[in-house]
Amino acid sequence: MVPDTTEMKILRLLQDDARITNQELADKAGMSASPCWRKVRKLEEDDVIQGYRAVLNRKKIGLGVMVFIRVTIDSHSEAEARKFEEEVTALEDVVACYSIGGDADFLLQVVASDLDSYADFAMSVVRRLPGIKEMQSMFVLKEIKPLTAYPVKKQR
């Protein structure tokens, strides 16, 4: 399902402020409240909108270190990859994990309170995940443009 122009406007507005009232959303989208509510419900039912969350300042909640870890696994069997994915999904400090192409198999985004905590996590948890052949840590020095929203625009 590709959202129409009105739905794209609704999605942009909700990404900017998910706490906006339906009436405010309808006004800003240039429509009346009932059709707006129905469009939002349809976007939720179609799994375009997957949920609503608060965006937190990680440093203010004690997570001063962010690291990306490139991981290469020993075996590329489906079972090995699935086992690795299951283990990683259960780790709270891993805030995102992607299966990637290129010279590594996975990219993990990890947060920690400080370097010592990260080192402990990397050595005692990540290094012990099933099938790890190699891992490389890349430390974030400065967040230039963190993910806050996806671009919602017409498809080409």
C-alpha atoms as a PDB file:
ATOM      1  CA  MET A   1       0.000   0.000   0.000  1.00  0.00           C
ATOM      2  CA  VAL A   2       1.453   3.329  -1.056  1.00  0.00           C
ATOM      3  CA  PRO A   3      -0.081   6.205   0.915  1.00  0.00           C
ATOM      4  CA  ASP A   4      -1.910   8.907  -1.027  1.00  0.00           C
ATOM      5  CA  THR A   5      -0.999  12.598  -0.707  1.00  0.00           C
ATOM      6  CA  THR A   6      -3.317  13.218   2.275  1.00  0.00           C
ATOM      7  CA  GLU A   7      -2.070  10.105   4.068  1.00  0.00           C
ATOM      8  CA  MET A   8       1.533  11.196   3.510  1.00  0.00           C
ATOM      9  CA  LYS A   9       0.731  14.554   5.091  1.00  0.00           C
ATOM     10  CA  ILE A  10      -0.867  12.762   8.057  1.00  0.00           C
ATOM     11  CA  LEU A  11       2.215  10.535   8.422  1.00  0.00           C
ATOM     12  CA  ARG A  12       4.574  13.541   8.374  1.00  0.00           C
ATOM     13  CA  LEU A  13       2.459  15.331  10.988  1.00  0.00           C
ATOM     14  CA  LEU A  14       2.295  12.263  13.256  1.00  0.00           C
ATOM     15  CA  GLN A  15       6.059  11.733  13.021  1.00  0.00           C
ATOM     16  CA  ASP A  16       6.536  15.347  14.114  1.00  0.00           C
ATOM     17  CA  ASP A  17       4.069  15.042  17.006  1.00  0.00           C
ATOM     18  CA  ALA A  18       2.333  11.742  17.756  1.00  0.00           C
ATOM     19  CA  ARG A  19       0.451  13.408  20.631  1.00  0.00           C
ATOM     20  CA  ILE A  20      -1.438  15.747  18.312  1.00  0.00           C
ATOM     21  CA  THR A  21      -5.210  15.519  18.741  1.00  0.00           C
ATOM     22  CA  ASN A  22      -7.276  14.146  15.895  1.00  0.00           C
ATOM     23  CA  GLN A  23      -8.919  17.565  15.445  1.00  0.00           C
ATOM     24  CA  GLU A  24      -5.539  19.321  15.192  1.00  0.00           C
ATOM     25  CA  LEU A  25      -4.307  16.628  12.814  1.00  0.00           C
ATOM     26  CA  ALA A  26      -7.396  17.003  10.643  1.00  0.00           C
ATOM     27  CA  ASP A  27      -7.047  20.807  10.583  1.00  0.00           C
ATOM     28  CA  LYS A  28      -3.380  20.638   9.579  1.00  0.00           C
ATOM     29  CA  ALA A  29      -4.099  17.956   6.970  1.00  0.00           C
ATOM     30  CA  GLY A  30      -6.922  20.080   5.525  1.00  0.00           C
ATOM     31  CA  MET A  31      -9.783  17.714   6.214  1.00  0.00           C
ATOM     32  CA  SER A  32     -12.566  17.130   8.716  1.00  0.00           C
ATOM     33  CA  ALA A  33     -12.072  15.072  11.877  1.00  0.00           C
ATOM     34  CA  SER A  34     -14.031  11.906  10.997  1.00  0.00           C
ATOM     35  CA  PRO A  35     -12.324  11.143   7.656  1.00  0.00           C
ATOM     36  CA  CYS A  36      -8.974  11.941   9.261  1.00  0.00           C
ATOM     37  CA  TRP A  37      -9.635   9.490  12.086  1.00  0.00           C
ATOM     38  CA  ARG A  38     -10.663   6.822   9.554  1.00  0.00           C
ATOM     39  CA  LYS A  39      -7.462   7.384   7.528  1.00  0.00           C
ATOM     40  CA  VAL A  40      -5.291   7.074  10.646  1.00  0.00           C
ATOM     41  CA  ARG A  41      -7.088   3.857  11.668  1.00  0.00           C
ATOM     42  CA  LYS A  42      -6.617   2.453   8.143  1.00  0.00           C
ATOM     43  CA  LEU A  43      -2.889   3.321   8.234  1.00  0.00           C
ATOM     44  CA  GLU A  44      -2.653   1.487  11.560  1.00  0.00           C
ATOM     45  CA  GLU A  45      -4.578  -1.543  10.257  1.00  0.00           C
ATOM     46  CA  ASP A  46      -2.353  -1.677   7.149  1.00  0.00           C
ATOM     47  CA  ASP A  47       0.715  -1.645   9.444  1.00  0.00           C
ATOM     48  CA  VAL A  48       2.005   1.590   7.898  1.00  0.00           C
ATOM     49  CA  ILE A  49       1.813   3.090  11.391  1.00  0.00           C
ATOM     50  CA  GLN A  50       3.330   0.471  13.668  1.00  0.00           C
ATOM     51  CA  GLY A  51       3.076   2.302  16.968  1.00  0.00           C
ATOM     52  CA  TYR A  52       3.596   5.530  18.874  1.00  0.00           C
ATOM     53  CA  ARG A  53       6.669   6.224  21.006  1.00  0.00           C
ATOM     54  CA  ALA A  54       8.395   8.909  23.003  1.00  0.00           C
ATOM     55  CA  VAL A  55      11.789   9.988  21.646  1.00  0.00           C
ATOM     56  CA  LEU A  56      14.264  10.055  24.530  1.00  0.00           C
ATOM     57  CA  ASN A  57      17.543  11.905  24.962  1.00  0.00           C
ATOM     58  CA  ARG A  58      19.839   8.919  25.557  1.00  0.00           C
ATOM     59  CA  LYS A  59      22.473  10.988  27.363  1.00  0.00           C
ATOM     60  CA  LYS A  60      19.921  12.303  29.867  1.00  0.00           C
ATOM     61  CA  ILE A  61      18.962   8.744  30.785  1.00  0.00           C
ATOM     62  CA  GLY A  62      22.581   7.750  31.385  1.00  0.00           C
ATOM     63  CA  LEU A  63      23.504   6.243  28.012  1.00  0.00           C
ATOM     64  CA  GLY A  64      26.529   8.347  27.077  1.00  0.00           C
ATOM     65  CA  VAL A  65      28.139   5.892  24.669  1.00  0.00           C
ATOM     66  CA  MET A  66      26.820   4.700  21.304  1.00  0.00           C
ATOM     67  CA  VAL A  67      28.672   2.097  19.282  1.00  0.00           C
ATOM     68  CA  PHE A  68      28.074   0.359  15.979  1.00  0.00           C
ATOM     69  CA  ILE A  69      29.436  -3.177  15.827  1.00  0.00           C
ATOM     70  CA  ARG A  70      30.084  -4.893  12.516  1.00  0.00           C
ATOM     71  CA  VAL A  71      29.744  -8.629  13.000  1.00  0.00           C
ATOM     72  CA  THR A  72      30.829 -11.458  10.726  1.00  0.00           C
ATOM     73  CA  ILE A  73      29.551 -14.937  11.550  1.00  0.00           C
ATOM     74  CA  ASP A  74      31.296 -18.276  10.888  1.00  0.00           C
ATOM     75  CA  SER A  75      28.563 -20.040   9.020  1.00  0.00           C
ATOM     76  CA  HIS A  76      26.063 -18.575   6.626  1.00  0.00           C
ATOM     77  CA  SER A  77      23.478 -21.275   7.141  1.00  0.00           C
ATOM     78  CA  GLU A  78      19.945 -20.108   7.742  1.00  0.00           C
ATOM     79  CA  ALA A  79      19.874 -21.848  11.125  1.00  0.00           C
ATOM     80  CA  GLU A  80      23.063 -20.114  12.327  1.00  0.00           C
ATOM     81  CA  ALA A  81      21.863 -16.700  11.176  1.00  0.00           C
ATOM     82  CA  ARG A  82      18.456 -17.226  12.811  1.00  0.00           C
ATOM     83  CA  LYS A  83      20.086 -18.296  16.112  1.00  0.00           C
ATOM     84  CA  PHE A  84      22.287 -15.182  16.065  1.00  0.00           C
ATOM     85  CA  GLU A  85      19.252 -12.985  15.322  1.00  0.00           C
ATOM     86  CA  GLU A  86      17.258 -14.511  18.187  1.00  0.00           C
ATOM     87  CA  GLU A  87      20.106 -13.970  20.664  1.00  0.00           C
ATOM     88  CA  VAL A  88      20.678 -10.364  19.548  1.00  0.00           C
ATOM     89  CA  THR A  89      16.968  -9.535  19.686  1.00  0.00           C
ATOM     90  CA  ALA A  90      16.940 -10.461  23.381  1.00  0.00           C
ATOM     91  CA  LEU A  91      19.776  -8.036  24.259  1.00  0.00           C
ATOM     92  CA  GLU A  92      18.440  -4.788  25.727  1.00  0.00           C
ATOM     93  CA  ASP A  93      21.672  -2.840  25.070  1.00  0.00           C
ATOM     94  CA  VAL A  94      21.403  -3.611  21.340  1.00  0.00           C
ATOM     95  CA  VAL A  95      18.923  -0.976  20.203  1.00  0.00           C
ATOM     96  CA  ALA A  96      19.013  -1.934  16.510  1.00  0.00           C
ATOM     97  CA  CYS A  97      20.349  -4.798  14.408  1.00  0.00           C
ATOM     98  CA  TYR A  98      20.536  -5.053  10.643  1.00  0.00           C
ATOM     99  CA  SER A  99      21.502  -7.888   8.315  1.00  0.00           C
ATOM    100  CA  ILE A 100      23.857  -6.239   5.819  1.00  0.00           C
ATOM    101  CA  GLY A 101      25.692  -6.949   2.595  1.00  0.00           C
ATOM    102  CA  GLY A 102      29.395  -6.375   2.055  1.00  0.00           C
ATOM    103  CA  ASP A 103      32.280  -7.589   4.160  1.00  0.00           C
ATOM    104  CA  ALA A 104      30.198  -8.121   7.324  1.00  0.00           C
ATOM    105  CA  ASP A 105      26.942  -9.932   8.025  1.00  0.00           C
ATOM    106  CA  PHE A 106      25.279  -7.799  10.703  1.00  0.00           C
ATOM    107  CA  LEU A 107      25.438  -4.250  12.013  1.00  0.00           C
ATOM    108  CA  LEU A 108      24.463  -3.763  15.646  1.00  0.00           C
ATOM    109  CA  GLN A 109      23.735  -0.414  17.275  1.00  0.00           C
ATOM    110  CA  VAL A 110      24.585  -0.560  20.968  1.00  0.00           C
ATOM    111  CA  VAL A 111      24.242   1.942  23.816  1.00  0.00           C
ATOM    112  CA  ALA A 112      26.022   1.909  27.162  1.00  0.00           C
ATOM    113  CA  SER A 113      26.500   4.221  30.109  1.00  0.00           C
ATOM    114  CA  ASP A 114      30.261   4.534  29.614  1.00  0.00           C
ATOM    115  CA  LEU A 115      33.249   2.911  27.896  1.00  0.00           C
ATOM    116  CA  ASP A 116      33.863   0.440  30.723  1.00  0.00           C
ATOM    117  CA  SER A 117      30.255  -0.762  30.545  1.00  0.00           C
ATOM    118  CA  TYR A 118      30.512  -1.098  26.782  1.00  0.00           C
ATOM    119  CA  ALA A 119      33.788  -3.021  27.037  1.00  0.00           C
ATOM    120  CA  ASP A 120      32.245  -5.417  29.536  1.00  0.00           C
ATOM    121  CA  PHE A 121      29.161  -5.902  27.350  1.00  0.00           C
ATOM    122  CA  ALA A 122      31.227  -6.395  24.183  1.00  0.00           C
ATOM    123  CA  MET A 123      33.590  -8.921  25.728  1.00  0.00           C
ATOM    124  CA  SER A 124      31.244 -10.874  27.976  1.00  0.00           C
ATOM    125  CA  VAL A 125      28.050 -10.791  25.906  1.00  0.00           C
ATOM    126  CA  VAL A 126      28.533  -9.913  22.240  1.00  0.00           C
ATOM    127  CA  ARG A 127      31.775 -11.847  21.782  1.00  0.00           C
ATOM    128  CA  ARG A 128      30.016 -14.930  23.190  1.00  0.00           C
ATOM    129  CA  LEU A 129      27.073 -14.854  20.782  1.00  0.00           C
ATOM    130  CA  PRO A 130      26.756 -18.009  18.669  1.00  0.00           C
ATOM    131  CA  GLY A 131      28.861 -18.202  15.521  1.00  0.00           C
ATOM    132  CA  ILE A 132      30.765 -14.931  15.801  1.00  0.00           C
ATOM    133  CA  LYS A 133      33.866 -15.004  13.651  1.00  0.00           C
ATOM    134  CA  GLU A 134      34.805 -11.338  13.842  1.00  0.00           C
ATOM    135  CA  MET A 135      33.512  -8.100  15.315  1.00  0.00           C
ATOM    136  CA  GLN A 136      34.605  -4.501  14.893  1.00  0.00           C
ATOM    137  CA  SER A 137      33.444  -1.645  17.109  1.00  0.00           C
ATOM    138  CA  MET A 138      32.920   1.841  15.703  1.00  0.00           C
ATOM    139  CA  PHE A 139      32.362   4.494  18.372  1.00  0.00           C
ATOM    140  CA  VAL A 140      30.036   7.419  17.726  1.00  0.00           C
ATOM    141  CA  LEU A 141      31.893  10.642  18.469  1.00  0.00           C
ATOM    142  CA  LYS A 142      29.051  12.982  17.586  1.00  0.00           C
ATOM    143  CA  GLU A 143      25.491  12.447  16.407  1.00  0.00           C
ATOM    144  CA  ILE A 144      25.070  14.655  13.365  1.00  0.00           C
ATOM    145  CA  LYS A 145      21.645  13.481  12.211  1.00  0.00           C
ATOM    146  CA  PRO A 146      20.098  10.752  14.358  1.00  0.00           C
ATOM    147  CA  LEU A 147      17.014   8.971  13.082  1.00  0.00           C
ATOM    148  CA  THR A 148      13.926  10.857  14.174  1.00  0.00           C
ATOM    149  CA  ALA A 149      11.598  10.250  11.229  1.00  0.00           C
ATOM    150  CA  TYR A 150      11.473   8.655   7.805  1.00  0.00           C
ATOM    151  CA  PRO A 151      11.074  10.865   4.730  1.00  0.00           C
ATOM    152  CA  VAL A 152       7.478  10.634   3.595  1.00  0.00           C
ATOM    153  CA  LYS A 153       7.183  11.705  -0.016  1.00  0.00           C
ATOM    154  CA  LYS A 154       5.741  10.637  -3.328  1.00  0.00           C
ATOM    155  CA  GLN A 155       7.258   7.482  -4.770  1.00  0.00           C
ATOM    156  CA  ARG A 156       8.953   7.827  -8.122  1.00  0.00           C
END
